[in-house]
């Protein structure tokens, strides 16, 4: 029940009902509302200034987490970049050196981004700047990885080609020569057995009994098999590719046929004394890009260093050739 207030009117000498004018009521309401608003504003200001709103605290925590993650990401990126540098160095200094391939110039690789960001600098960066920084580094790494992958693909091809090259490079003696006593005449100027004059001898003569097997010294394809009347008698020429050819002369009988593919160590014929020859032997030549070169340096597969040194001395002896 609403209370009714009275006051004593001295003019009328009696109690009268107290009535508050509407204007006064409005002023009181306005004053109350204004005071409440000012108080609420002060409280909010102080609260936000020293305590922070729940949303702001959440954002601050999220920002802190993002920065922590960013630092961790920077560490990971630095680790990956160091690994990439090691791979690039190994690629240039080891893998390509083994296969005698030119190293990839630095200009062909994406330049490494130096990441040296101080904490004060990081704190001033906006979100989009942080993202851009990471994106730039990742794009750089992607580019370097792409170049490195192409390089390893190339090295893989070099490995395959190198294996094929090694298989097709003359590397053994054409006849069995375990005691190293079958080298009768070496590469160089020797006395011709027929004309008794000094002539250039373009191969090695391996003396052996007639019928001794003659072996292909590397993989290849028979390009000539038979007697073409050039003084080599029954002979075989093998095209090994990569500029290499080998010739085996004076056979008693030829086993290999023109166009036949042969493997290193495969029998291609037997020792004889056909053609311009003074005794059973195998005349052996190595050609590189059409030039006749000393075969003595192509026996590295079946000789020890000591054996090679002994064979080298025997081949260097000045004597008479067999053809």
C-alpha atoms as a PDB file:
ATOM      1  CA  UNK A   1       0.000   0.000   0.000  1.00  0.00           C
ATOM      2  CA  UNK A   2       1.379   3.363  -1.001  1.00  0.00           C
ATOM      3  CA  UNK A   3       2.228   5.620   1.917  1.00  0.00           C
ATOM      4  CA  UNK A   4       0.643   9.078   1.964  1.00  0.00           C
ATOM      5  CA  UNK A   5       2.697  11.874   3.455  1.00  0.00           C
ATOM      6  CA  UNK A   6       1.241  14.965   5.178  1.00  0.00           C
ATOM      7  CA  UNK A   7       2.759  18.218   6.268  1.00  0.00           C
ATOM      8  CA  UNK A   8       1.484  20.980   8.680  1.00  0.00           C
ATOM      9  CA  UNK A   9       0.445  24.100   6.863  1.00  0.00           C
ATOM     10  CA  UNK A  10       1.054  27.089   9.119  1.00  0.00           C
ATOM     11  CA  UNK A  11      -1.157  29.283   7.046  1.00  0.00           C
ATOM     12  CA  UNK A  12      -4.210  27.137   7.344  1.00  0.00           C
ATOM     13  CA  UNK A  13      -3.192  25.669  10.688  1.00  0.00           C
ATOM     14  CA  UNK A  14      -3.945  22.169   9.639  1.00  0.00           C
ATOM     15  CA  UNK A  15      -2.301  19.042   8.127  1.00  0.00           C
ATOM     16  CA  UNK A  16      -2.444  18.803   4.379  1.00  0.00           C
ATOM     17  CA  UNK A  17      -1.502  16.048   1.910  1.00  0.00           C
ATOM     18  CA  UNK A  18       2.030  16.366   0.488  1.00  0.00           C
ATOM     19  CA  UNK A  19       2.040  16.249  -3.298  1.00  0.00           C
ATOM     20  CA  UNK A  20       5.342  16.306  -5.320  1.00  0.00           C
ATOM     21  CA  UNK A  21       5.157  18.182  -8.600  1.00  0.00           C
ATOM     22  CA  UNK A  22       5.775  16.195 -11.783  1.00  0.00           C
ATOM     23  CA  UNK A  23       8.737  18.402 -12.667  1.00  0.00           C
ATOM     24  CA  UNK A  24      10.455  17.528  -9.418  1.00  0.00           C
ATOM     25  CA  UNK A  25       9.766  13.858  -9.947  1.00  0.00           C
ATOM     26  CA  UNK A  26      11.299  13.970 -13.432  1.00  0.00           C
ATOM     27  CA  UNK A  27      14.334  15.815 -12.125  1.00  0.00           C
ATOM     28  CA  UNK A  28      14.840  13.215  -9.424  1.00  0.00           C
ATOM     29  CA  UNK A  29      14.534  10.334 -11.928  1.00  0.00           C
ATOM     30  CA  UNK A  30      16.930  12.005 -14.328  1.00  0.00           C
ATOM     31  CA  UNK A  31      19.422  12.649 -11.554  1.00  0.00           C
ATOM     32  CA  UNK A  32      19.271   9.047 -10.423  1.00  0.00           C
ATOM     33  CA  UNK A  33      19.718   7.676 -13.924  1.00  0.00           C
ATOM     34  CA  UNK A  34      22.600  10.054 -14.632  1.00  0.00           C
ATOM     35  CA  UNK A  35      24.365   9.111 -11.403  1.00  0.00           C
ATOM     36  CA  UNK A  36      23.875   5.406 -12.173  1.00  0.00           C
ATOM     37  CA  UNK A  37      25.282   5.805 -15.652  1.00  0.00           C
ATOM     38  CA  UNK A  38      28.304   7.754 -14.457  1.00  0.00           C
ATOM     39  CA  UNK A  39      28.972   5.206 -11.712  1.00  0.00           C
ATOM     40  CA  UNK A  40      28.629   2.300 -14.156  1.00  0.00           C
ATOM     41  CA  UNK A  41      30.983   4.020 -16.591  1.00  0.00           C
ATOM     42  CA  UNK A  42      33.606   4.566 -13.925  1.00  0.00           C
ATOM     43  CA  UNK A  43      33.341   1.003 -12.724  1.00  0.00           C
ATOM     44  CA  UNK A  44      33.601  -0.329 -16.300  1.00  0.00           C
ATOM     45  CA  UNK A  45      36.586   1.868 -17.090  1.00  0.00           C
ATOM     46  CA  UNK A  46      38.439   0.777 -13.987  1.00  0.00           C
ATOM     47  CA  UNK A  47      37.554  -2.854 -14.618  1.00  0.00           C
ATOM     48  CA  UNK A  48      38.671  -2.825 -18.270  1.00  0.00           C
ATOM     49  CA  UNK A  49      41.767  -0.794 -17.454  1.00  0.00           C
ATOM     50  CA  UNK A  50      43.159  -3.046 -14.728  1.00  0.00           C
ATOM     51  CA  UNK A  51      41.289  -6.329 -15.055  1.00  0.00           C
ATOM     52  CA  UNK A  52      40.276  -6.707 -18.703  1.00  0.00           C
ATOM     53  CA  UNK A  53      37.144  -8.098 -20.205  1.00  0.00           C
ATOM     54  CA  UNK A  54      36.624 -11.862 -20.618  1.00  0.00           C
ATOM     55  CA  UNK A  55      36.763 -11.479 -24.396  1.00  0.00           C
ATOM     56  CA  UNK A  56      39.956  -9.482 -24.170  1.00  0.00           C
ATOM     57  CA  UNK A  57      41.533 -12.071 -21.899  1.00  0.00           C
ATOM     58  CA  UNK A  58      40.587 -14.795 -24.386  1.00  0.00           C
ATOM     59  CA  UNK A  59      42.101 -12.791 -27.242  1.00  0.00           C
ATOM     60  CA  UNK A  60      45.264 -12.175 -25.250  1.00  0.00           C
ATOM     61  CA  UNK A  61      45.607 -15.883 -24.531  1.00  0.00           C
ATOM     62  CA  UNK A  62      45.013 -16.727 -28.176  1.00  0.00           C
ATOM     63  CA  UNK A  63      47.598 -14.151 -29.217  1.00  0.00           C
ATOM     64  CA  UNK A  64      50.118 -15.623 -26.782  1.00  0.00           C
ATOM     65  CA  UNK A  65      49.459 -19.114 -28.130  1.00  0.00           C
ATOM     66  CA  UNK A  66      49.905 -17.876 -31.689  1.00  0.00           C
ATOM     67  CA  UNK A  67      53.235 -16.283 -30.832  1.00  0.00           C
ATOM     68  CA  UNK A  68      54.408 -19.423 -29.056  1.00  0.00           C
ATOM     69  CA  UNK A  69      53.412 -21.484 -32.080  1.00  0.00           C
ATOM     70  CA  UNK A  70      55.154 -18.996 -34.338  1.00  0.00           C
ATOM     71  CA  UNK A  71      58.415 -19.314 -32.417  1.00  0.00           C
ATOM     72  CA  UNK A  72      58.166 -23.098 -32.589  1.00  0.00           C
ATOM     73  CA  UNK A  73      57.478 -22.865 -36.312  1.00  0.00           C
ATOM     74  CA  UNK A  74      60.510 -20.623 -36.757  1.00  0.00           C
ATOM     75  CA  UNK A  75      62.674 -23.206 -35.004  1.00  0.00           C
ATOM     76  CA  UNK A  76      61.308 -25.953 -37.245  1.00  0.00           C
ATOM     77  CA  UNK A  77      61.844 -23.844 -40.359  1.00  0.00           C
ATOM     78  CA  UNK A  78      65.409 -23.111 -39.324  1.00  0.00           C
ATOM     79  CA  UNK A  79      66.020 -26.820 -38.775  1.00  0.00           C
ATOM     80  CA  UNK A  80      64.550 -27.670 -42.195  1.00  0.00           C
ATOM     81  CA  UNK A  81      66.636 -24.959 -43.843  1.00  0.00           C
ATOM     82  CA  UNK A  82      69.802 -26.315 -42.240  1.00  0.00           C
ATOM     83  CA  UNK A  83      68.918 -29.768 -43.537  1.00  0.00           C
ATOM     84  CA  UNK A  84      68.309 -28.330 -46.993  1.00  0.00           C
ATOM     85  CA  UNK A  85      71.713 -26.609 -46.914  1.00  0.00           C
ATOM     86  CA  UNK A  86      73.359 -29.899 -45.963  1.00  0.00           C
ATOM     87  CA  UNK A  87      71.543 -31.740 -48.769  1.00  0.00           C
ATOM     88  CA  UNK A  88      72.540 -29.074 -51.295  1.00  0.00           C
ATOM     89  CA  UNK A  89      76.162 -29.186 -50.114  1.00  0.00           C
ATOM     90  CA  UNK A  90      76.230 -32.981 -50.242  1.00  0.00           C
ATOM     91  CA  UNK A  91      74.614 -32.904 -53.679  1.00  0.00           C
ATOM     92  CA  UNK A  92      77.260 -30.530 -55.071  1.00  0.00           C
ATOM     93  CA  UNK A  93      80.330 -31.768 -53.188  1.00  0.00           C
ATOM     94  CA  UNK A  94      79.699 -35.514 -53.051  1.00  0.00           C
ATOM     95  CA  UNK A  95      77.082 -36.962 -55.391  1.00  0.00           C
ATOM     96  CA  UNK A  96      77.855 -34.804 -58.402  1.00  0.00           C
ATOM     97  CA  UNK A  97      81.600 -35.037 -57.749  1.00  0.00           C
ATOM     98  CA  UNK A  98      81.403 -38.839 -57.839  1.00  0.00           C
ATOM     99  CA  UNK A  99      79.697 -38.780 -61.226  1.00  0.00           C
ATOM    100  CA  UNK A 100      81.817 -35.890 -62.547  1.00  0.00           C
ATOM    101  CA  UNK A 101      78.764 -33.691 -63.036  1.00  0.00           C
ATOM    102  CA  UNK A 102      78.829 -29.936 -62.712  1.00  0.00           C
ATOM    103  CA  UNK A 103      77.392 -28.615 -59.437  1.00  0.00           C
ATOM    104  CA  UNK A 104      74.146 -26.665 -59.575  1.00  0.00           C
ATOM    105  CA  UNK A 105      75.016 -22.947 -59.377  1.00  0.00           C
ATOM    106  CA  UNK A 106      73.611 -20.981 -56.480  1.00  0.00           C
ATOM    107  CA  UNK A 107      71.657 -18.825 -58.910  1.00  0.00           C
ATOM    108  CA  UNK A 108      69.619 -21.886 -59.864  1.00  0.00           C
ATOM    109  CA  UNK A 109      68.589 -22.489 -56.288  1.00  0.00           C
ATOM    110  CA  UNK A 110      66.138 -20.231 -54.485  1.00  0.00           C
ATOM    111  CA  UNK A 111      68.026 -17.926 -52.137  1.00  0.00           C
ATOM    112  CA  UNK A 112      67.690 -18.754 -48.487  1.00  0.00           C
ATOM    113  CA  UNK A 113      65.656 -16.333 -46.370  1.00  0.00           C
ATOM    114  CA  UNK A 114      67.507 -15.218 -43.258  1.00  0.00           C
ATOM    115  CA  UNK A 115      65.200 -15.469 -40.222  1.00  0.00           C
ATOM    116  CA  UNK A 116      66.501 -13.150 -37.532  1.00  0.00           C
ATOM    117  CA  UNK A 117      63.435 -11.609 -35.906  1.00  0.00           C
ATOM    118  CA  UNK A 118      63.796 -10.093 -32.429  1.00  0.00           C
ATOM    119  CA  UNK A 119      61.045 -10.475 -29.831  1.00  0.00           C
ATOM    120  CA  UNK A 120      60.279  -6.757 -29.865  1.00  0.00           C
ATOM    121  CA  UNK A 121      59.925  -6.888 -33.621  1.00  0.00           C
ATOM    122  CA  UNK A 122      57.677  -9.924 -33.482  1.00  0.00           C
ATOM    123  CA  UNK A 123      55.379  -8.309 -30.953  1.00  0.00           C
ATOM    124  CA  UNK A 124      54.840  -5.342 -33.280  1.00  0.00           C
ATOM    125  CA  UNK A 125      53.958  -7.503 -36.270  1.00  0.00           C
ATOM    126  CA  UNK A 126      50.333  -7.854 -37.134  1.00  0.00           C
ATOM    127  CA  UNK A 127      48.756 -11.212 -37.826  1.00  0.00           C
ATOM    128  CA  UNK A 128      48.890 -10.803 -41.585  1.00  0.00           C
ATOM    129  CA  UNK A 129      52.570  -9.862 -41.363  1.00  0.00           C
ATOM    130  CA  UNK A 130      53.333 -12.992 -39.367  1.00  0.00           C
ATOM    131  CA  UNK A 131      51.485 -15.100 -41.922  1.00  0.00           C
ATOM    132  CA  UNK A 132      53.280 -13.382 -44.806  1.00  0.00           C
ATOM    133  CA  UNK A 133      56.652 -14.001 -43.181  1.00  0.00           C
ATOM    134  CA  UNK A 134      55.922 -17.698 -42.757  1.00  0.00           C
ATOM    135  CA  UNK A 135      54.513 -17.985 -46.271  1.00  0.00           C
ATOM    136  CA  UNK A 136      57.617 -16.401 -47.774  1.00  0.00           C
ATOM    137  CA  UNK A 137      59.871 -18.834 -45.951  1.00  0.00           C
ATOM    138  CA  UNK A 138      57.729 -21.836 -46.875  1.00  0.00           C
ATOM    139  CA  UNK A 139      57.578 -20.749 -50.520  1.00  0.00           C
ATOM    140  CA  UNK A 140      61.358 -20.459 -50.500  1.00  0.00           C
ATOM    141  CA  UNK A 141      61.709 -23.959 -49.077  1.00  0.00           C
ATOM    142  CA  UNK A 142      59.226 -25.389 -51.584  1.00  0.00           C
ATOM    143  CA  UNK A 143      61.239 -23.843 -54.409  1.00  0.00           C
ATOM    144  CA  UNK A 144      64.516 -25.210 -53.071  1.00  0.00           C
ATOM    145  CA  UNK A 145      63.019 -28.661 -52.536  1.00  0.00           C
ATOM    146  CA  UNK A 146      61.731 -28.658 -56.118  1.00  0.00           C
ATOM    147  CA  UNK A 147      65.184 -27.807 -57.473  1.00  0.00           C
ATOM    148  CA  UNK A 148      66.785 -30.398 -55.207  1.00  0.00           C
ATOM    149  CA  UNK A 149      64.331 -33.078 -56.357  1.00  0.00           C
ATOM    150  CA  UNK A 150      65.222 -32.380 -59.984  1.00  0.00           C
ATOM    151  CA  UNK A 151      68.887 -32.590 -59.051  1.00  0.00           C
ATOM    152  CA  UNK A 152      68.428 -35.963 -57.365  1.00  0.00           C
ATOM    153  CA  UNK A 153      66.488 -37.196 -60.404  1.00  0.00           C
ATOM    154  CA  UNK A 154      69.455 -36.153 -62.518  1.00  0.00           C
ATOM    155  CA  UNK A 155      71.884 -37.858 -60.124  1.00  0.00           C
ATOM    156  CA  UNK A 156      69.724 -40.993 -60.342  1.00  0.00           C
ATOM    157  CA  UNK A 157      70.123 -40.931 -64.107  1.00  0.00           C
ATOM    158  CA  UNK A 158      73.855 -40.376 -63.651  1.00  0.00           C
ATOM    159  CA  UNK A 159      73.976 -43.458 -61.422  1.00  0.00           C
ATOM    160  CA  UNK A 160      72.235 -45.537 -64.064  1.00  0.00           C
ATOM    161  CA  UNK A 161      74.458 -44.151 -66.837  1.00  0.00           C
ATOM    162  CA  UNK A 162      77.569 -44.589 -64.692  1.00  0.00           C
ATOM    163  CA  UNK A 163      76.716 -48.226 -64.021  1.00  0.00           C
ATOM    164  CA  UNK A 164      76.152 -48.764 -67.733  1.00  0.00           C
ATOM    165  CA  UNK A 165      79.368 -46.899 -68.561  1.00  0.00           C
ATOM    166  CA  UNK A 166      81.363 -49.044 -66.121  1.00  0.00           C
ATOM    167  CA  UNK A 167      79.893 -52.213 -67.609  1.00  0.00           C
ATOM    168  CA  UNK A 168      80.860 -51.021 -71.110  1.00  0.00           C
ATOM    169  CA  UNK A 169      84.370 -49.836 -70.251  1.00  0.00           C
ATOM    170  CA  UNK A 170      87.128 -52.410 -70.994  1.00  0.00           C
ATOM    171  CA  UNK A 171      88.302 -53.643 -67.608  1.00  0.00           C
ATOM    172  CA  UNK A 172      89.775 -57.175 -67.828  1.00  0.00           C
ATOM    173  CA  UNK A 173      92.462 -58.989 -69.829  1.00  0.00           C
ATOM    174  CA  UNK A 174      91.228 -60.709 -72.997  1.00  0.00           C
ATOM    175  CA  UNK A 175      92.876 -64.041 -72.083  1.00  0.00           C
ATOM    176  CA  UNK A 176      93.393 -65.785 -68.765  1.00  0.00           C
ATOM    177  CA  UNK A 177      96.706 -64.495 -67.406  1.00  0.00           C
ATOM    178  CA  UNK A 178      96.841 -65.238 -63.696  1.00  0.00           C
ATOM    179  CA  UNK A 179     100.624 -65.637 -63.591  1.00  0.00           C
ATOM    180  CA  UNK A 180     101.071 -62.488 -65.749  1.00  0.00           C
ATOM    181  CA  UNK A 181     103.500 -64.296 -68.101  1.00  0.00           C
ATOM    182  CA  UNK A 182     101.447 -63.989 -71.280  1.00  0.00           C
ATOM    183  CA  UNK A 183     102.137 -60.348 -72.139  1.00  0.00           C
ATOM    184  CA  UNK A 184     104.652 -60.768 -74.958  1.00  0.00           C
ATOM    185  CA  UNK A 185     104.711 -57.262 -76.410  1.00  0.00           C
ATOM    186  CA  UNK A 186     103.329 -53.940 -75.304  1.00  0.00           C
ATOM    187  CA  UNK A 187     101.937 -50.724 -76.758  1.00  0.00           C
ATOM    188  CA  UNK A 188     104.420 -48.439 -78.520  1.00  0.00           C
ATOM    189  CA  UNK A 189     107.304 -48.698 -80.961  1.00  0.00           C
ATOM    190  CA  UNK A 190     108.442 -52.310 -81.341  1.00  0.00           C
ATOM    191  CA  UNK A 191     110.482 -54.358 -83.820  1.00  0.00           C
ATOM    192  CA  UNK A 192     108.265 -55.738 -86.570  1.00  0.00           C
ATOM    193  CA  UNK A 193     108.656 -59.544 -86.657  1.00  0.00           C
ATOM    194  CA  UNK A 194     108.425 -59.701 -90.464  1.00  0.00           C
ATOM    195  CA  UNK A 195     110.177 -56.570 -91.689  1.00  0.00           C
ATOM    196  CA  UNK A 196     112.584 -56.285 -88.710  1.00  0.00           C
ATOM    197  CA  UNK A 197     112.097 -52.531 -88.586  1.00  0.00           C
ATOM    198  CA  UNK A 198     110.811 -50.364 -85.768  1.00  0.00           C
ATOM    199  CA  UNK A 199     107.073 -49.791 -86.166  1.00  0.00           C
ATOM    200  CA  UNK A 200     104.323 -48.559 -83.940  1.00  0.00           C
ATOM    201  CA  UNK A 201     102.517 -51.404 -82.201  1.00  0.00           C
ATOM    202  CA  UNK A 202      98.988 -50.207 -81.356  1.00  0.00           C
ATOM    203  CA  UNK A 203      98.032 -52.930 -78.877  1.00  0.00           C
ATOM    204  CA  UNK A 204      99.141 -55.703 -76.542  1.00  0.00           C
ATOM    205  CA  UNK A 205     100.170 -59.196 -77.637  1.00  0.00           C
ATOM    206  CA  UNK A 206      99.131 -62.007 -75.297  1.00  0.00           C
ATOM    207  CA  UNK A 207     100.990 -65.232 -76.142  1.00  0.00           C
ATOM    208  CA  UNK A 208      98.918 -68.366 -75.503  1.00  0.00           C
ATOM    209  CA  UNK A 209      98.456 -71.863 -76.918  1.00  0.00           C
ATOM    210  CA  UNK A 210      96.197 -72.203 -79.914  1.00  0.00           C
ATOM    211  CA  UNK A 211      92.608 -72.695 -78.789  1.00  0.00           C
ATOM    212  CA  UNK A 212      92.925 -70.633 -75.610  1.00  0.00           C
ATOM    213  CA  UNK A 213      89.592 -68.802 -75.038  1.00  0.00           C
ATOM    214  CA  UNK A 214      89.458 -65.069 -75.742  1.00  0.00           C
ATOM    215  CA  UNK A 215      87.019 -63.021 -73.660  1.00  0.00           C
ATOM    216  CA  UNK A 216      85.112 -59.795 -74.292  1.00  0.00           C
ATOM    217  CA  UNK A 217      86.600 -57.229 -71.924  1.00  0.00           C
ATOM    218  CA  UNK A 218      83.336 -55.262 -71.558  1.00  0.00           C
ATOM    219  CA  UNK A 219      79.682 -55.318 -72.563  1.00  0.00           C
ATOM    220  CA  UNK A 220      78.993 -54.343 -76.139  1.00  0.00           C
ATOM    221  CA  UNK A 221      77.854 -55.311 -79.626  1.00  0.00           C
ATOM    222  CA  UNK A 222      79.942 -57.111 -82.236  1.00  0.00           C
ATOM    223  CA  UNK A 223      80.548 -54.669 -85.084  1.00  0.00           C
ATOM    224  CA  UNK A 224      82.956 -56.890 -87.080  1.00  0.00           C
ATOM    225  CA  UNK A 225      83.571 -60.624 -87.002  1.00  0.00           C
ATOM    226  CA  UNK A 226      85.792 -62.474 -89.483  1.00  0.00           C
ATOM    227  CA  UNK A 227      88.804 -61.846 -91.755  1.00  0.00           C
ATOM    228  CA  UNK A 228      88.792 -58.592 -93.698  1.00  0.00           C
ATOM    229  CA  UNK A 229      92.335 -58.951 -95.078  1.00  0.00           C
ATOM    230  CA  UNK A 230      93.850 -56.182 -92.965  1.00  0.00           C
ATOM    231  CA  UNK A 231      96.549 -58.321 -91.344  1.00  0.00           C
ATOM    232  CA  UNK A 232      94.570 -59.125 -88.171  1.00  0.00           C
ATOM    233  CA  UNK A 233      93.432 -62.469 -89.610  1.00  0.00           C
ATOM    234  CA  UNK A 234      90.274 -63.752 -87.992  1.00  0.00           C
ATOM    235  CA  UNK A 235      89.390 -60.984 -85.628  1.00  0.00           C
ATOM    236  CA  UNK A 236      86.535 -59.380 -83.723  1.00  0.00           C
ATOM    237  CA  UNK A 237      85.743 -55.726 -83.087  1.00  0.00           C
ATOM    238  CA  UNK A 238      83.291 -54.874 -80.286  1.00  0.00           C
ATOM    239  CA  UNK A 239      81.516 -51.537 -80.074  1.00  0.00           C
ATOM    240  CA  UNK A 240      80.992 -50.793 -76.373  1.00  0.00           C
ATOM    241  CA  UNK A 241      79.425 -47.359 -76.767  1.00  0.00           C
ATOM    242  CA  UNK A 242      80.606 -44.203 -75.006  1.00  0.00           C
ATOM    243  CA  UNK A 243      83.338 -43.974 -77.670  1.00  0.00           C
ATOM    244  CA  UNK A 244      84.960 -47.321 -76.752  1.00  0.00           C
ATOM    245  CA  UNK A 245      85.909 -50.115 -79.168  1.00  0.00           C
ATOM    246  CA  UNK A 246      88.100 -53.169 -78.643  1.00  0.00           C
ATOM    247  CA  UNK A 247      89.832 -55.372 -81.243  1.00  0.00           C
ATOM    248  CA  UNK A 248      90.895 -59.018 -80.800  1.00  0.00           C
ATOM    249  CA  UNK A 249      93.135 -60.326 -83.600  1.00  0.00           C
ATOM    250  CA  UNK A 250      94.630 -63.515 -85.102  1.00  0.00           C
ATOM    251  CA  UNK A 251      91.990 -65.959 -83.819  1.00  0.00           C
ATOM    252  CA  UNK A 252      92.041 -69.547 -84.962  1.00  0.00           C
ATOM    253  CA  UNK A 253      88.264 -69.485 -84.898  1.00  0.00           C
ATOM    254  CA  UNK A 254      85.679 -66.808 -84.194  1.00  0.00           C
ATOM    255  CA  UNK A 255      82.658 -67.561 -82.075  1.00  0.00           C
ATOM    256  CA  UNK A 256      80.895 -64.162 -81.991  1.00  0.00           C
ATOM    257  CA  UNK A 257      78.774 -62.983 -84.917  1.00  0.00           C
ATOM    258  CA  UNK A 258      78.080 -59.541 -86.337  1.00  0.00           C
ATOM    259  CA  UNK A 259      75.397 -57.661 -84.402  1.00  0.00           C
ATOM    260  CA  UNK A 260      75.570 -60.022 -81.435  1.00  0.00           C
ATOM    261  CA  UNK A 261      75.353 -58.491 -77.950  1.00  0.00           C
ATOM    262  CA  UNK A 262      78.056 -59.781 -75.634  1.00  0.00           C
ATOM    263  CA  UNK A 263      78.808 -59.429 -71.924  1.00  0.00           C
ATOM    264  CA  UNK A 264      82.139 -58.890 -70.212  1.00  0.00           C
ATOM    265  CA  UNK A 265      83.856 -62.268 -69.767  1.00  0.00           C
ATOM    266  CA  UNK A 266      81.928 -63.970 -72.581  1.00  0.00           C
ATOM    267  CA  UNK A 267      84.017 -66.120 -74.960  1.00  0.00           C
ATOM    268  CA  UNK A 268      84.138 -64.533 -78.435  1.00  0.00           C
ATOM    269  CA  UNK A 269      86.784 -66.758 -80.049  1.00  0.00           C
ATOM    270  CA  UNK A 270      89.979 -68.736 -79.565  1.00  0.00           C
ATOM    271  CA  UNK A 271      93.674 -67.872 -79.826  1.00  0.00           C
ATOM    272  CA  UNK A 272      95.330 -68.622 -83.164  1.00  0.00           C
ATOM    273  CA  UNK A 273      97.954 -67.285 -85.571  1.00  0.00           C
ATOM    274  CA  UNK A 274      95.937 -66.148 -88.593  1.00  0.00           C
ATOM    275  CA  UNK A 275      96.800 -63.052 -90.609  1.00  0.00           C
ATOM    276  CA  UNK A 276     100.167 -61.295 -90.184  1.00  0.00           C
ATOM    277  CA  UNK A 277     101.366 -63.305 -87.206  1.00  0.00           C
ATOM    278  CA  UNK A 278     104.513 -65.203 -86.233  1.00  0.00           C
ATOM    279  CA  UNK A 279     102.990 -67.338 -83.485  1.00  0.00           C
ATOM    280  CA  UNK A 280      99.767 -68.063 -81.640  1.00  0.00           C
ATOM    281  CA  UNK A 281      98.710 -65.018 -79.687  1.00  0.00           C
ATOM    282  CA  UNK A 282      95.884 -62.529 -79.177  1.00  0.00           C
ATOM    283  CA  UNK A 283      96.529 -59.018 -80.420  1.00  0.00           C
ATOM    284  CA  UNK A 284      94.362 -56.721 -78.299  1.00  0.00           C
ATOM    285  CA  UNK A 285      93.579 -53.044 -78.936  1.00  0.00           C
ATOM    286  CA  UNK A 286      91.458 -50.419 -77.181  1.00  0.00           C
ATOM    287  CA  UNK A 287      90.058 -47.488 -79.174  1.00  0.00           C
ATOM    288  CA  UNK A 288      88.564 -44.341 -77.671  1.00  0.00           C
ATOM    289  CA  UNK A 289      86.704 -42.021 -80.031  1.00  0.00           C
ATOM    290  CA  UNK A 290      88.590 -43.563 -82.946  1.00  0.00           C
ATOM    291  CA  UNK A 291      92.041 -43.217 -81.349  1.00  0.00           C
ATOM    292  CA  UNK A 292      94.125 -46.256 -80.409  1.00  0.00           C
ATOM    293  CA  UNK A 293      95.155 -46.024 -76.760  1.00  0.00           C
ATOM    294  CA  UNK A 294      97.301 -48.175 -74.467  1.00  0.00           C
ATOM    295  CA  UNK A 295      95.207 -51.152 -73.244  1.00  0.00           C
ATOM    296  CA  UNK A 296      97.444 -51.622 -70.212  1.00  0.00           C
ATOM    297  CA  UNK A 297      95.402 -49.023 -68.299  1.00  0.00           C
ATOM    298  CA  UNK A 298      92.158 -50.992 -68.693  1.00  0.00           C
ATOM    299  CA  UNK A 299      92.888 -54.035 -66.523  1.00  0.00           C
ATOM    300  CA  UNK A 300      91.751 -52.643 -63.182  1.00  0.00           C
ATOM    301  CA  UNK A 301      89.019 -55.247 -62.573  1.00  0.00           C
ATOM    302  CA  UNK A 302      91.205 -58.346 -62.241  1.00  0.00           C
ATOM    303  CA  UNK A 303      94.574 -57.033 -60.992  1.00  0.00           C
ATOM    304  CA  UNK A 304      95.904 -55.898 -57.657  1.00  0.00           C
ATOM    305  CA  UNK A 305      98.119 -52.767 -57.566  1.00  0.00           C
ATOM    306  CA  UNK A 306     101.211 -54.969 -57.284  1.00  0.00           C
ATOM    307  CA  UNK A 307     100.133 -57.137 -60.222  1.00  0.00           C
ATOM    308  CA  UNK A 308      99.344 -54.085 -62.320  1.00  0.00           C
ATOM    309  CA  UNK A 309     102.793 -52.635 -61.586  1.00  0.00           C
ATOM    310  CA  UNK A 310     104.438 -55.890 -62.691  1.00  0.00           C
ATOM    311  CA  UNK A 311     102.298 -56.074 -65.837  1.00  0.00           C
ATOM    312  CA  UNK A 312     103.148 -52.457 -66.625  1.00  0.00           C
ATOM    313  CA  UNK A 313     106.878 -53.253 -66.508  1.00  0.00           C
ATOM    314  CA  UNK A 314     106.446 -56.307 -68.736  1.00  0.00           C
ATOM    315  CA  UNK A 315     104.440 -54.346 -71.330  1.00  0.00           C
ATOM    316  CA  UNK A 316     107.012 -51.545 -71.359  1.00  0.00           C
ATOM    317  CA  UNK A 317     109.892 -53.865 -72.306  1.00  0.00           C
ATOM    318  CA  UNK A 318     111.370 -53.045 -75.710  1.00  0.00           C
ATOM    319  CA  UNK A 319     111.117 -56.260 -77.732  1.00  0.00           C
ATOM    320  CA  UNK A 320     109.748 -57.755 -80.902  1.00  0.00           C
ATOM    321  CA  UNK A 321     106.009 -57.929 -81.429  1.00  0.00           C
ATOM    322  CA  UNK A 322     104.161 -61.019 -82.682  1.00  0.00           C
ATOM    323  CA  UNK A 323     102.475 -59.132 -85.552  1.00  0.00           C
END
